[in-house]
PDB file of N, CA and C in Angstrom:
ATOM      1  N   UNK A   1       0.850  -1.168  -0.001  1.00  0.00           N
ATOM      2  CA  UNK A   1       0.000   0.000   0.000  1.00  0.00           C
ATOM      3  C   UNK A   1       0.899   1.234   0.000  1.00  0.00           C
ATOM      4  N   UNK A   2       0.778   2.055  -1.013  1.00  0.00           N
ATOM      5  CA  UNK A   2       1.654   3.185  -1.197  1.00  0.00           C
ATOM      6  C   UNK A   2       1.057   4.448  -0.574  1.00  0.00           C
ATOM      7  N   UNK A   3       1.827   5.143   0.287  1.00  0.00           N
ATOM      8  CA  UNK A   3       1.394   6.409   0.863  1.00  0.00           C
ATOM      9  C   UNK A   3       0.161   6.303   1.736  1.00  0.00           C
ATOM     10  N   UNK A   4       0.063   5.247   2.537  1.00  0.00           N
ATOM     11  CA  UNK A   4      -1.134   5.093   3.350  1.00  0.00           C
ATOM     12  C   UNK A   4      -1.255   6.197   4.385  1.00  0.00           C
ATOM     13  N   UNK A   5      -2.507   6.581   4.653  1.00  0.00           N
ATOM     14  CA  UNK A   5      -2.784   7.628   5.607  1.00  0.00           C
ATOM     15  C   UNK A   5      -2.763   9.021   4.996  1.00  0.00           C
ATOM     16  N   UNK A   6      -2.558   9.111   3.689  1.00  0.00           N
ATOM     17  CA  UNK A   6      -2.496  10.418   3.044  1.00  0.00           C
ATOM     18  C   UNK A   6      -3.328  10.409   1.772  1.00  0.00           C
ATOM     19  N   UNK A   7      -4.111  11.422   1.603  1.00  0.00           N
ATOM     20  CA  UNK A   7      -4.897  11.568   0.385  1.00  0.00           C
ATOM     21  C   UNK A   7      -3.986  12.136  -0.697  1.00  0.00           C
ATOM     22  N   UNK A   8      -3.713  11.350  -1.720  1.00  0.00           N
ATOM     23  CA  UNK A   8      -2.781  11.775  -2.755  1.00  0.00           C
ATOM     24  C   UNK A   8      -3.304  12.963  -3.567  1.00  0.00           C
ATOM     25  N   UNK A   9      -4.615  13.189  -3.542  1.00  0.00           N
ATOM     26  CA  UNK A   9      -5.191  14.294  -4.299  1.00  0.00           C
ATOM     27  C   UNK A   9      -5.288  15.581  -3.480  1.00  0.00           C
ATOM     28  N   UNK A  10      -5.023  15.482  -2.191  1.00  0.00           N
ATOM     29  CA  UNK A  10      -5.100  16.668  -1.336  1.00  0.00           C
ATOM     30  C   UNK A  10      -3.952  17.618  -1.667  1.00  0.00           C
ATOM     31  N   UNK A  11      -4.221  18.922  -1.634  1.00  0.00           N
ATOM     32  CA  UNK A  11      -3.138  19.866  -1.917  1.00  0.00           C
ATOM     33  C   UNK A  11      -2.074  19.815  -0.822  1.00  0.00           C
ATOM     34  N   UNK A  12      -0.828  19.922  -1.231  1.00  0.00           N
ATOM     35  CA  UNK A  12       0.273  19.928  -0.263  1.00  0.00           C
ATOM     36  C   UNK A  12       0.371  21.310   0.355  1.00  0.00           C
ATOM     37  N   UNK A  13       0.679  21.365   1.650  1.00  0.00           N
ATOM     38  CA  UNK A  13       0.823  22.679   2.272  1.00  0.00           C
ATOM     39  C   UNK A  13       1.991  23.440   1.670  1.00  0.00           C
ATOM     40  N   UNK A  14       1.825  24.735   1.544  1.00  0.00           N
ATOM     41  CA  UNK A  14       2.859  25.586   0.974  1.00  0.00           C
ATOM     42  C   UNK A  14       3.812  26.000   2.085  1.00  0.00           C
ATOM     43  N   UNK A  15       5.087  25.836   1.842  1.00  0.00           N
ATOM     44  CA  UNK A  15       6.099  26.244   2.822  1.00  0.00           C
ATOM     45  C   UNK A  15       6.273  27.758   2.743  1.00  0.00           C
ATOM     46  N   UNK A  16       6.232  28.409   3.888  1.00  0.00           N
ATOM     47  CA  UNK A  16       6.342  29.860   3.949  1.00  0.00           C
ATOM     48  C   UNK A  16       7.773  30.240   4.299  1.00  0.00           C
ATOM     49  N   UNK A  17       8.348  31.119   3.508  1.00  0.00           N
ATOM     50  CA  UNK A  17       9.686  31.650   3.792  1.00  0.00           C
ATOM     51  C   UNK A  17       9.517  32.922   4.617  1.00  0.00           C
ATOM     52  N   UNK A  18      10.222  32.998   5.744  1.00  0.00           N
ATOM     53  CA  UNK A  18      10.103  34.137   6.651  1.00  0.00           C
ATOM     54  C   UNK A  18      11.381  34.959   6.621  1.00  0.00           C
ATOM     55  N   UNK A  19      11.257  36.262   6.395  1.00  0.00           N
ATOM     56  CA  UNK A  19      12.415  37.151   6.485  1.00  0.00           C
ATOM     57  C   UNK A  19      12.637  37.492   7.961  1.00  0.00           C
ATOM     58  N   UNK A  20      13.800  38.040   8.269  1.00  0.00           N
ATOM     59  CA  UNK A  20      14.094  38.442   9.648  1.00  0.00           C
ATOM     60  C   UNK A  20      13.084  39.476  10.139  1.00  0.00           C
ATOM     61  N   UNK A  21      12.728  40.419   9.274  1.00  0.00           N
ATOM     62  CA  UNK A  21      11.767  41.463   9.646  1.00  0.00           C
ATOM     63  C   UNK A  21      10.383  40.856   9.920  1.00  0.00           C
ATOM     64  N   UNK A  22       9.968  39.893   9.104  1.00  0.00           N
ATOM     65  CA  UNK A  22       8.666  39.239   9.320  1.00  0.00           C
ATOM     66  C   UNK A  22       8.658  38.450  10.624  1.00  0.00           C
ATOM     67  N   UNK A  23       9.766  37.784  10.936  1.00  0.00           N
ATOM     68  CA  UNK A  23       9.860  37.072  12.212  1.00  0.00           C
ATOM     69  C   UNK A  23       9.775  38.046  13.385  1.00  0.00           C
ATOM     70  N   UNK A  24      10.445  39.200  13.271  1.00  0.00           N
ATOM     71  CA  UNK A  24      10.402  40.207  14.328  1.00  0.00           C
ATOM     72  C   UNK A  24       8.971  40.710  14.531  1.00  0.00           C
ATOM     73  N   UNK A  25       8.257  40.978  13.448  1.00  0.00           N
ATOM     74  CA  UNK A  25       6.869  41.436  13.541  1.00  0.00           C
ATOM     75  C   UNK A  25       5.998  40.345  14.162  1.00  0.00           C
ATOM     76  N   UNK A  26       6.206  39.096  13.769  1.00  0.00           N
ATOM     77  CA  UNK A  26       5.427  38.005  14.343  1.00  0.00           C
ATOM     78  C   UNK A  26       5.659  37.897  15.848  1.00  0.00           C
ATOM     79  N   UNK A  27       6.905  38.008  16.277  1.00  0.00           N
ATOM     80  CA  UNK A  27       7.201  37.953  17.715  1.00  0.00           C
ATOM     81  C   UNK A  27       6.501  39.101  18.432  1.00  0.00           C
ATOM     82  N   UNK A  28       6.543  40.302  17.868  1.00  0.00           N
ATOM     83  CA  UNK A  28       5.856  41.436  18.491  1.00  0.00           C
ATOM     84  C   UNK A  28       4.352  41.187  18.598  1.00  0.00           C
ATOM     85  N   UNK A  29       3.761  40.599  17.562  1.00  0.00           N
ATOM     86  CA  UNK A  29       2.332  40.273  17.595  1.00  0.00           C
ATOM     87  C   UNK A  29       2.047  39.199  18.648  1.00  0.00           C
ATOM     88  N   UNK A  30       2.908  38.198  18.733  1.00  0.00           N
ATOM     89  CA  UNK A  30       2.725  37.132  19.727  1.00  0.00           C
ATOM     90  C   UNK A  30       2.829  37.674  21.151  1.00  0.00           C
ATOM     91  N   UNK A  31       3.709  38.643  21.362  1.00  0.00           N
ATOM     92  CA  UNK A  31       3.900  39.190  22.702  1.00  0.00           C
ATOM     93  C   UNK A  31       2.703  39.996  23.199  1.00  0.00           C
ATOM     94  N   UNK A  32       1.782  40.350  22.305  1.00  0.00           N
ATOM     95  CA  UNK A  32       0.577  41.071  22.737  1.00  0.00           C
ATOM     96  C   UNK A  32      -0.464  40.132  23.336  1.00  0.00           C
ATOM     97  N   UNK A  33      -0.276  38.834  23.153  1.00  0.00           N
ATOM     98  CA  UNK A  33      -1.262  37.855  23.611  1.00  0.00           C
ATOM     99  C   UNK A  33      -1.003  37.439  25.053  1.00  0.00           C
ATOM    100  N   UNK A  34      -2.087  37.351  25.852  1.00  0.00           N
ATOM    101  CA  UNK A  34      -1.907  36.903  27.243  1.00  0.00           C
ATOM    102  C   UNK A  34      -1.429  35.458  27.298  1.00  0.00           C
ATOM    103  N   UNK A  35      -0.576  35.187  28.267  1.00  0.00           N
ATOM    104  CA  UNK A  35      -0.047  33.836  28.438  1.00  0.00           C
ATOM    105  C   UNK A  35      -0.836  33.102  29.512  1.00  0.00           C
ATOM    106  N   UNK A  36      -1.051  31.812  29.285  1.00  0.00           N
ATOM    107  CA  UNK A  36      -1.711  30.967  30.279  1.00  0.00           C
ATOM    108  C   UNK A  36      -0.665  30.492  31.287  1.00  0.00           C
ATOM    109  N   UNK A  37       0.505  30.125  30.800  1.00  0.00           N
ATOM    110  CA  UNK A  37       1.653  29.755  31.616  1.00  0.00           C
ATOM    111  C   UNK A  37       2.882  30.186  30.818  1.00  0.00           C
ATOM    112  N   UNK A  38       4.092  30.040  31.339  1.00  0.00           N
ATOM    113  CA  UNK A  38       5.254  30.622  30.664  1.00  0.00           C
ATOM    114  C   UNK A  38       5.375  30.308  29.170  1.00  0.00           C
ATOM    115  N   UNK A  39       4.955  29.139  28.729  1.00  0.00           N
ATOM    116  CA  UNK A  39       5.107  28.810  27.311  1.00  0.00           C
ATOM    117  C   UNK A  39       3.794  28.652  26.575  1.00  0.00           C
ATOM    118  N   UNK A  40       2.681  29.004  27.181  1.00  0.00           N
ATOM    119  CA  UNK A  40       1.416  28.767  26.507  1.00  0.00           C
ATOM    120  C   UNK A  40       0.618  30.030  26.284  1.00  0.00           C
ATOM    121  N   UNK A  41      -0.053  30.086  25.165  1.00  0.00           N
ATOM    122  CA  UNK A  41      -0.941  31.194  24.866  1.00  0.00           C
ATOM    123  C   UNK A  41      -2.375  30.727  25.077  1.00  0.00           C
ATOM    124  N   UNK A  42      -3.259  31.682  25.333  1.00  0.00           N
ATOM    125  CA  UNK A  42      -4.650  31.321  25.576  1.00  0.00           C
ATOM    126  C   UNK A  42      -5.290  30.776  24.300  1.00  0.00           C
ATOM    127  N   UNK A  43      -6.373  30.064  24.472  1.00  0.00           N
ATOM    128  CA  UNK A  43      -7.102  29.513  23.323  1.00  0.00           C
ATOM    129  C   UNK A  43      -7.571  30.655  22.426  1.00  0.00           C
ATOM    130  N   UNK A  44      -7.541  30.430  21.133  1.00  0.00           N
ATOM    131  CA  UNK A  44      -7.998  31.430  20.180  1.00  0.00           C
ATOM    132  C   UNK A  44      -6.990  32.516  19.867  1.00  0.00           C
ATOM    133  N   UNK A  45      -5.731  32.302  20.195  1.00  0.00           N
ATOM    134  CA  UNK A  45      -4.701  33.326  19.993  1.00  0.00           C
ATOM    135  C   UNK A  45      -4.383  33.572  18.535  1.00  0.00           C
ATOM    136  N   UNK A  46      -4.623  32.592  17.679  1.00  0.00           N
ATOM    137  CA  UNK A  46      -4.136  32.683  16.301  1.00  0.00           C
ATOM    138  C   UNK A  46      -4.840  33.776  15.492  1.00  0.00           C
ATOM    139  N   UNK A  47      -6.154  33.951  15.696  1.00  0.00           N
ATOM    140  CA  UNK A  47      -6.886  34.946  14.893  1.00  0.00           C
ATOM    141  C   UNK A  47      -6.414  36.372  15.142  1.00  0.00           C
ATOM    142  N   UNK A  48      -6.295  36.821  16.415  1.00  0.00           N
ATOM    143  CA  UNK A  48      -5.795  38.188  16.605  1.00  0.00           C
ATOM    144  C   UNK A  48      -4.356  38.371  16.117  1.00  0.00           C
ATOM    145  N   UNK A  49      -3.526  37.346  16.295  1.00  0.00           N
ATOM    146  CA  UNK A  49      -2.125  37.447  15.833  1.00  0.00           C
ATOM    147  C   UNK A  49      -2.098  37.545  14.310  1.00  0.00           C
ATOM    148  N   UNK A  50      -2.896  36.742  13.638  1.00  0.00           N
ATOM    149  CA  UNK A  50      -2.957  36.767  12.173  1.00  0.00           C
ATOM    150  C   UNK A  50      -3.440  38.123  11.678  1.00  0.00           C
ATOM    151  N   UNK A  51      -4.448  38.672  12.327  1.00  0.00           N
ATOM    152  CA  UNK A  51      -4.979  39.986  11.932  1.00  0.00           C
ATOM    153  C   UNK A  51      -3.927  41.073  12.120  1.00  0.00           C
ATOM    154  N   UNK A  52      -3.254  41.087  13.278  1.00  0.00           N
ATOM    155  CA  UNK A  52      -2.210  42.090  13.528  1.00  0.00           C
ATOM    156  C   UNK A  52      -1.055  41.940  12.540  1.00  0.00           C
ATOM    157  N   UNK A  53      -0.646  40.689  12.306  1.00  0.00           N
ATOM    158  CA  UNK A  53       0.480  40.442  11.399  1.00  0.00           C
ATOM    159  C   UNK A  53       0.148  40.921   9.992  1.00  0.00           C
ATOM    160  N   UNK A  54      -1.037  40.573   9.492  1.00  0.00           N
ATOM    161  CA  UNK A  54      -1.421  40.977   8.137  1.00  0.00           C
ATOM    162  C   UNK A  54      -1.554  42.489   8.003  1.00  0.00           C
ATOM    163  N   UNK A  55      -1.940  43.188   9.088  1.00  0.00           N
ATOM    164  CA  UNK A  55      -2.020  44.646   9.048  1.00  0.00           C
ATOM    165  C   UNK A  55      -0.624  45.268   8.967  1.00  0.00           C
ATOM    166  N   UNK A  56       0.351  44.643   9.608  1.00  0.00           N
ATOM    167  CA  UNK A  56       1.710  45.200   9.638  1.00  0.00           C
ATOM    168  C   UNK A  56       2.576  44.745   8.473  1.00  0.00           C
ATOM    169  N   UNK A  57       2.240  43.592   7.893  1.00  0.00           N
ATOM    170  CA  UNK A  57       3.011  43.070   6.756  1.00  0.00           C
ATOM    171  C   UNK A  57       2.032  42.770   5.624  1.00  0.00           C
ATOM    172  N   UNK A  58       1.591  43.816   4.915  1.00  0.00           N
ATOM    173  CA  UNK A  58       0.621  43.589   3.842  1.00  0.00           C
ATOM    174  C   UNK A  58       1.228  42.762   2.712  1.00  0.00           C
ATOM    175  N   UNK A  59       0.421  41.881   2.166  1.00  0.00           N
ATOM    176  CA  UNK A  59       0.853  41.067   1.043  1.00  0.00           C
ATOM    177  C   UNK A  59       1.412  39.712   1.428  1.00  0.00           C
ATOM    178  N   UNK A  60       1.797  39.502   2.663  1.00  0.00           N
ATOM    179  CA  UNK A  60       2.351  38.210   3.089  1.00  0.00           C
ATOM    180  C   UNK A  60       1.231  37.184   3.235  1.00  0.00           C
ATOM    181  N   UNK A  61       0.200  37.516   3.994  1.00  0.00           N
ATOM    182  CA  UNK A  61      -0.987  36.686   4.202  1.00  0.00           C
ATOM    183  C   UNK A  61      -0.696  35.211   4.463  1.00  0.00           C
ATOM    184  N   UNK A  62       0.049  34.896   5.527  1.00  0.00           N
ATOM    185  CA  UNK A  62       0.272  33.479   5.842  1.00  0.00           C
ATOM    186  C   UNK A  62      -1.019  32.842   6.369  1.00  0.00           C
ATOM    187  N   UNK A  63      -1.109  31.555   6.232  1.00  0.00           N
ATOM    188  CA  UNK A  63      -2.277  30.835   6.750  1.00  0.00           C
ATOM    189  C   UNK A  63      -2.129  30.675   8.261  1.00  0.00           C
ATOM    190  N   UNK A  64      -3.239  30.403   8.955  1.00  0.00           N
ATOM    191  CA  UNK A  64      -3.127  30.121  10.383  1.00  0.00           C
ATOM    192  C   UNK A  64      -2.174  28.960  10.667  1.00  0.00           C
ATOM    193  N   UNK A  65      -2.158  27.966   9.788  1.00  0.00           N
ATOM    194  CA  UNK A  65      -1.242  26.835   9.968  1.00  0.00           C
ATOM    195  C   UNK A  65       0.211  27.287   9.887  1.00  0.00           C
ATOM    196  N   UNK A  66       0.516  28.192   8.965  1.00  0.00           N
ATOM    197  CA  UNK A  66       1.887  28.693   8.829  1.00  0.00           C
ATOM    198  C   UNK A  66       2.306  29.476  10.074  1.00  0.00           C
ATOM    199  N   UNK A  67       1.395  30.284  10.616  1.00  0.00           N
ATOM    200  CA  UNK A  67       1.704  31.052  11.833  1.00  0.00           C
ATOM    201  C   UNK A  67       1.939  30.093  12.998  1.00  0.00           C
ATOM    202  N   UNK A  68       1.063  29.111  13.145  1.00  0.00           N
ATOM    203  CA  UNK A  68       1.186  28.159  14.247  1.00  0.00           C
ATOM    204  C   UNK A  68       2.472  27.342  14.121  1.00  0.00           C
ATOM    205  N   UNK A  69       2.794  26.930  12.913  1.00  0.00           N
ATOM    206  CA  UNK A  69       4.011  26.159  12.676  1.00  0.00           C
ATOM    207  C   UNK A  69       5.257  26.991  13.022  1.00  0.00           C
ATOM    208  N   UNK A  70       5.257  28.250  12.625  1.00  0.00           N
ATOM    209  CA  UNK A  70       6.402  29.123  12.924  1.00  0.00           C
ATOM    210  C   UNK A  70       6.518  29.341  14.427  1.00  0.00           C
ATOM    211  N   UNK A  71       5.382  29.493  15.106  1.00  0.00           N
ATOM    212  CA  UNK A  71       5.374  29.654  16.558  1.00  0.00           C
ATOM    213  C   UNK A  71       5.983  28.427  17.236  1.00  0.00           C
ATOM    214  N   UNK A  72       5.588  27.226  16.800  1.00  0.00           N
ATOM    215  CA  UNK A  72       6.143  25.997  17.379  1.00  0.00           C
ATOM    216  C   UNK A  72       7.643  25.906  17.135  1.00  0.00           C
ATOM    217  N   UNK A  73       8.091  26.261  15.935  1.00  0.00           N
ATOM    218  CA  UNK A  73       9.516  26.214  15.591  1.00  0.00           C
ATOM    219  C   UNK A  73      10.312  27.193  16.468  1.00  0.00           C
ATOM    220  N   UNK A  74       9.768  28.401  16.671  1.00  0.00           N
ATOM    221  CA  UNK A  74      10.465  29.384  17.492  1.00  0.00           C
ATOM    222  C   UNK A  74      10.525  28.932  18.952  1.00  0.00           C
ATOM    223  N   UNK A  75       9.475  28.277  19.436  1.00  0.00           N
ATOM    224  CA  UNK A  75       9.498  27.750  20.804  1.00  0.00           C
ATOM    225  C   UNK A  75      10.570  26.682  20.954  1.00  0.00           C
ATOM    226  N   UNK A  76      10.684  25.802  19.969  1.00  0.00           N
ATOM    227  CA  UNK A  76      11.697  24.751  19.982  1.00  0.00           C
ATOM    228  C   UNK A  76      13.097  25.361  19.998  1.00  0.00           C
ATOM    229  N   UNK A  77      13.348  26.328  19.125  1.00  0.00           N
ATOM    230  CA  UNK A  77      14.660  26.975  19.068  1.00  0.00           C
ATOM    231  C   UNK A  77      14.962  27.710  20.369  1.00  0.00           C
ATOM    232  N   UNK A  78      13.967  28.346  20.969  1.00  0.00           N
ATOM    233  CA  UNK A  78      14.157  29.039  22.241  1.00  0.00           C
ATOM    234  C   UNK A  78      14.560  28.046  23.329  1.00  0.00           C
ATOM    235  N   UNK A  79      13.937  26.878  23.335  1.00  0.00           N
ATOM    236  CA  UNK A  79      14.276  25.857  24.330  1.00  0.00           C
ATOM    237  C   UNK A  79      15.717  25.385  24.198  1.00  0.00           C
ATOM    238  N   UNK A  80      16.191  25.223  22.964  1.00  0.00           N
ATOM    239  CA  UNK A  80      17.571  24.786  22.743  1.00  0.00           C
ATOM    240  C   UNK A  80      18.547  25.866  23.217  1.00  0.00           C
ATOM    241  N   UNK A  81      18.264  27.124  22.895  1.00  0.00           N
ATOM    242  CA  UNK A  81      19.144  28.220  23.319  1.00  0.00           C
ATOM    243  C   UNK A  81      19.175  28.313  24.843  1.00  0.00           C
ATOM    244  N   UNK A  82      18.011  28.218  25.486  1.00  0.00           N
ATOM    245  CA  UNK A  82      17.969  28.276  26.953  1.00  0.00           C
ATOM    246  C   UNK A  82      18.781  27.133  27.573  1.00  0.00           C
ATOM    247  N   UNK A  83      18.665  25.938  26.976  1.00  0.00           N
ATOM    248  CA  UNK A  83      19.403  24.791  27.488  1.00  0.00           C
ATOM    249  C   UNK A  83      20.913  25.029  27.361  1.00  0.00           C
ATOM    250  N   UNK A  84      21.356  25.540  26.222  1.00  0.00           N
ATOM    251  CA  UNK A  84      22.780  25.800  26.022  1.00  0.00           C
ATOM    252  C   UNK A  84      23.287  26.852  27.006  1.00  0.00           C
ATOM    253  N   UNK A  85      22.507  27.895  27.216  1.00  0.00           N
ATOM    254  CA  UNK A  85      22.941  28.952  28.137  1.00  0.00           C
ATOM    255  C   UNK A  85      23.006  28.442  29.573  1.00  0.00           C
ATOM    256  N   UNK A  86      22.113  27.525  29.947  1.00  0.00           N
ATOM    257  CA  UNK A  86      22.145  26.946  31.293  1.00  0.00           C
ATOM    258  C   UNK A  86      23.317  25.985  31.458  1.00  0.00           C
ATOM    259  N   UNK A  87      23.788  25.418  30.354  1.00  0.00           N
ATOM    260  CA  UNK A  87      24.883  24.453  30.418  1.00  0.00           C
ATOM    261  C   UNK A  87      26.261  25.108  30.378  1.00  0.00           C
ATOM    262  N   UNK A  88      26.340  26.427  30.468  1.00  0.00           N
ATOM    263  CA  UNK A  88      27.626  27.095  30.553  1.00  0.00           C
ATOM    264  C   UNK A  88      28.066  27.826  29.306  1.00  0.00           C
ATOM    265  N   UNK A  89      27.278  27.781  28.251  1.00  0.00           N
ATOM    266  CA  UNK A  89      27.622  28.517  27.041  1.00  0.00           C
ATOM    267  C   UNK A  89      27.265  29.985  27.240  1.00  0.00           C
ATOM    268  N   UNK A  90      27.766  30.816  26.359  1.00  0.00           N
ATOM    269  CA  UNK A  90      27.469  32.242  26.429  1.00  0.00           C
ATOM    270  C   UNK A  90      26.799  32.701  25.146  1.00  0.00           C
ATOM    271  N   UNK A  91      26.383  33.949  25.149  1.00  0.00           N
ATOM    272  CA  UNK A  91      25.744  34.547  23.985  1.00  0.00           C
ATOM    273  C   UNK A  91      26.544  35.771  23.580  1.00  0.00           C
ATOM    274  N   UNK A  92      27.008  35.800  22.346  1.00  0.00           N
ATOM    275  CA  UNK A  92      27.698  36.960  21.806  1.00  0.00           C
ATOM    276  C   UNK A  92      26.625  37.965  21.401  1.00  0.00           C
ATOM    277  N   UNK A  93      26.545  39.068  22.141  1.00  0.00           N
ATOM    278  CA  UNK A  93      25.483  40.059  21.912  1.00  0.00           C
ATOM    279  C   UNK A  93      25.591  40.727  20.542  1.00  0.00           C
ATOM    280  N   UNK A  94      26.804  40.841  20.034  1.00  0.00           N
ATOM    281  CA  UNK A  94      26.986  41.510  18.748  1.00  0.00           C
ATOM    282  C   UNK A  94      26.537  40.631  17.579  1.00  0.00           C
ATOM    283  N   UNK A  95      26.971  39.379  17.577  1.00  0.00           N
ATOM    284  CA  UNK A  95      26.634  38.487  16.462  1.00  0.00           C
ATOM    285  C   UNK A  95      25.397  37.636  16.734  1.00  0.00           C
ATOM    286  N   UNK A  96      24.902  37.633  17.977  1.00  0.00           N
ATOM    287  CA  UNK A  96      23.739  36.828  18.384  1.00  0.00           C
ATOM    288  C   UNK A  96      23.982  35.331  18.164  1.00  0.00           C
ATOM    289  N   UNK A  97      25.208  34.895  18.430  1.00  0.00           N
ATOM    290  CA  UNK A  97      25.569  33.486  18.307  1.00  0.00           C
ATOM    291  C   UNK A  97      25.896  32.908  19.676  1.00  0.00           C
ATOM    292  N   UNK A  98      25.643  31.611  19.843  1.00  0.00           N
ATOM    293  CA  UNK A  98      26.025  30.899  21.056  1.00  0.00           C
ATOM    294  C   UNK A  98      27.529  30.652  20.975  1.00  0.00           C
ATOM    295  N   UNK A  99      28.247  30.963  22.055  1.00  0.00           N
ATOM    296  CA  UNK A  99      29.698  30.788  22.073  1.00  0.00           C
ATOM    297  C   UNK A  99      30.096  29.920  23.261  1.00  0.00           C
ATOM    298  N   UNK A 100      31.210  29.226  23.092  1.00  0.00           N
ATOM    299  CA  UNK A 100      31.734  28.384  24.165  1.00  0.00           C
ATOM    300  C   UNK A 100      33.091  27.838  23.774  1.00  0.00           C
ATOM    301  N   UNK A 101      33.818  27.374  24.772  1.00  0.00           N
ATOM    302  CA  UNK A 101      35.127  26.777  24.535  1.00  0.00           C
ATOM    303  C   UNK A 101      34.952  25.462  23.762  1.00  0.00           C
ATOM    304  N   UNK A 102      35.994  25.072  23.041  1.00  0.00           N
ATOM    305  CA  UNK A 102      35.943  23.841  22.247  1.00  0.00           C
ATOM    306  C   UNK A 102      35.638  22.620  23.115  1.00  0.00           C
ATOM    307  N   UNK A 103      36.249  22.542  24.306  1.00  0.00           N
ATOM    308  CA  UNK A 103      36.033  21.388  25.177  1.00  0.00           C
ATOM    309  C   UNK A 103      34.568  21.321  25.625  1.00  0.00           C
ATOM    310  N   UNK A 104      33.941  22.487  25.793  1.00  0.00           N
ATOM    311  CA  UNK A 104      32.541  22.523  26.209  1.00  0.00           C
ATOM    312  C   UNK A 104      31.639  22.024  25.083  1.00  0.00           C
ATOM    313  N   UNK A 105      31.922  22.453  23.861  1.00  0.00           N
ATOM    314  CA  UNK A 105      31.153  21.966  22.711  1.00  0.00           C
ATOM    315  C   UNK A 105      31.314  20.455  22.561  1.00  0.00           C
ATOM    316  N   UNK A 106      32.555  19.971  22.691  1.00  0.00           N
ATOM    317  CA  UNK A 106      32.805  18.529  22.555  1.00  0.00           C
ATOM    318  C   UNK A 106      32.045  17.730  23.608  1.00  0.00           C
ATOM    319  N   UNK A 107      32.099  18.193  24.852  1.00  0.00           N
ATOM    320  CA  UNK A 107      31.400  17.492  25.930  1.00  0.00           C
ATOM    321  C   UNK A 107      29.889  17.527  25.717  1.00  0.00           C
ATOM    322  N   UNK A 108      29.379  18.663  25.310  1.00  0.00           N
ATOM    323  CA  UNK A 108      27.940  18.790  25.092  1.00  0.00           C
ATOM    324  C   UNK A 108      27.475  17.869  23.960  1.00  0.00           C
ATOM    325  N   UNK A 109      28.263  17.812  22.885  1.00  0.00           N
ATOM    326  CA  UNK A 109      27.894  16.955  21.745  1.00  0.00           C
ATOM    327  C   UNK A 109      27.937  15.480  22.128  1.00  0.00           C
ATOM    328  N   UNK A 110      28.889  15.068  22.961  1.00  0.00           N
ATOM    329  CA  UNK A 110      28.937  13.671  23.405  1.00  0.00           C
ATOM    330  C   UNK A 110      27.693  13.321  24.192  1.00  0.00           C
ATOM    331  N   UNK A 111      27.285  14.188  25.085  1.00  0.00           N
ATOM    332  CA  UNK A 111      26.073  13.938  25.884  1.00  0.00           C
ATOM    333  C   UNK A 111      24.839  13.953  24.989  1.00  0.00           C
ATOM    334  N   UNK A 112      24.781  14.920  24.078  1.00  0.00           N
ATOM    335  CA  UNK A 112      23.625  15.029  23.200  1.00  0.00           C
ATOM    336  C   UNK A 112      23.495  13.791  22.303  1.00  0.00           C
ATOM    337  N   UNK A 113      24.606  13.323  21.750  1.00  0.00           N
ATOM    338  CA  UNK A 113      24.578  12.127  20.896  1.00  0.00           C
ATOM    339  C   UNK A 113      24.173  10.892  21.717  1.00  0.00           C
ATOM    340  N   UNK A 114      24.633  10.804  22.954  1.00  0.00           N
ATOM    341  CA  UNK A 114      24.246   9.704  23.835  1.00  0.00           C
ATOM    342  C   UNK A 114      22.747   9.715  24.089  1.00  0.00           C
ATOM    343  N   UNK A 115      22.205  10.879  24.343  1.00  0.00           N
ATOM    344  CA  UNK A 115      20.764  11.010  24.583  1.00  0.00           C
ATOM    345  C   UNK A 115      19.992  10.609  23.324  1.00  0.00           C
ATOM    346  N   UNK A 116      20.464  11.007  22.147  1.00  0.00           N
ATOM    347  CA  UNK A 116      19.779  10.630  20.910  1.00  0.00           C
ATOM    348  C   UNK A 116      19.750   9.125  20.706  1.00  0.00           C
ATOM    349  N   UNK A 117      20.845   8.451  21.059  1.00  0.00           N
ATOM    350  CA  UNK A 117      20.892   6.997  20.907  1.00  0.00           C
ATOM    351  C   UNK A 117      19.939   6.301  21.860  1.00  0.00           C
ATOM    352  N   UNK A 118      19.672   6.897  23.020  1.00  0.00           N
ATOM    353  CA  UNK A 118      18.780   6.283  24.005  1.00  0.00           C
ATOM    354  C   UNK A 118      17.308   6.412  23.638  1.00  0.00           C
ATOM    355  N   UNK A 119      16.978   7.395  22.808  1.00  0.00           N
ATOM    356  CA  UNK A 119      15.571   7.607  22.461  1.00  0.00           C
ATOM    357  C   UNK A 119      15.169   6.843  21.244  1.00  0.00           C
TER     358      UNK A 119
END
């Protein structure tokens, strides 16, 4: 059975390319929404964020799925950065890159690869 669980005639979702400026505007729109807990937004957050985003970035018109997907991706990346900073790495404010000594990177990668093998 080829491609089970997927309708071959259904349209494929369009991948949205985000510029740095569009990401900044999206973050500003997301920050206007009340939080339920540190990482959660209240139910129904997508419609006001989509409306604000489309008003500030005319012509982009991402779908609610694209906004939600970008939000999930940014949360994932934020979690990785927070983990690295807690593990002794630093942040170069000028280049906005995670920095650390070579031995720290090597040790972190060994632990990370070990964790990947266990899952």
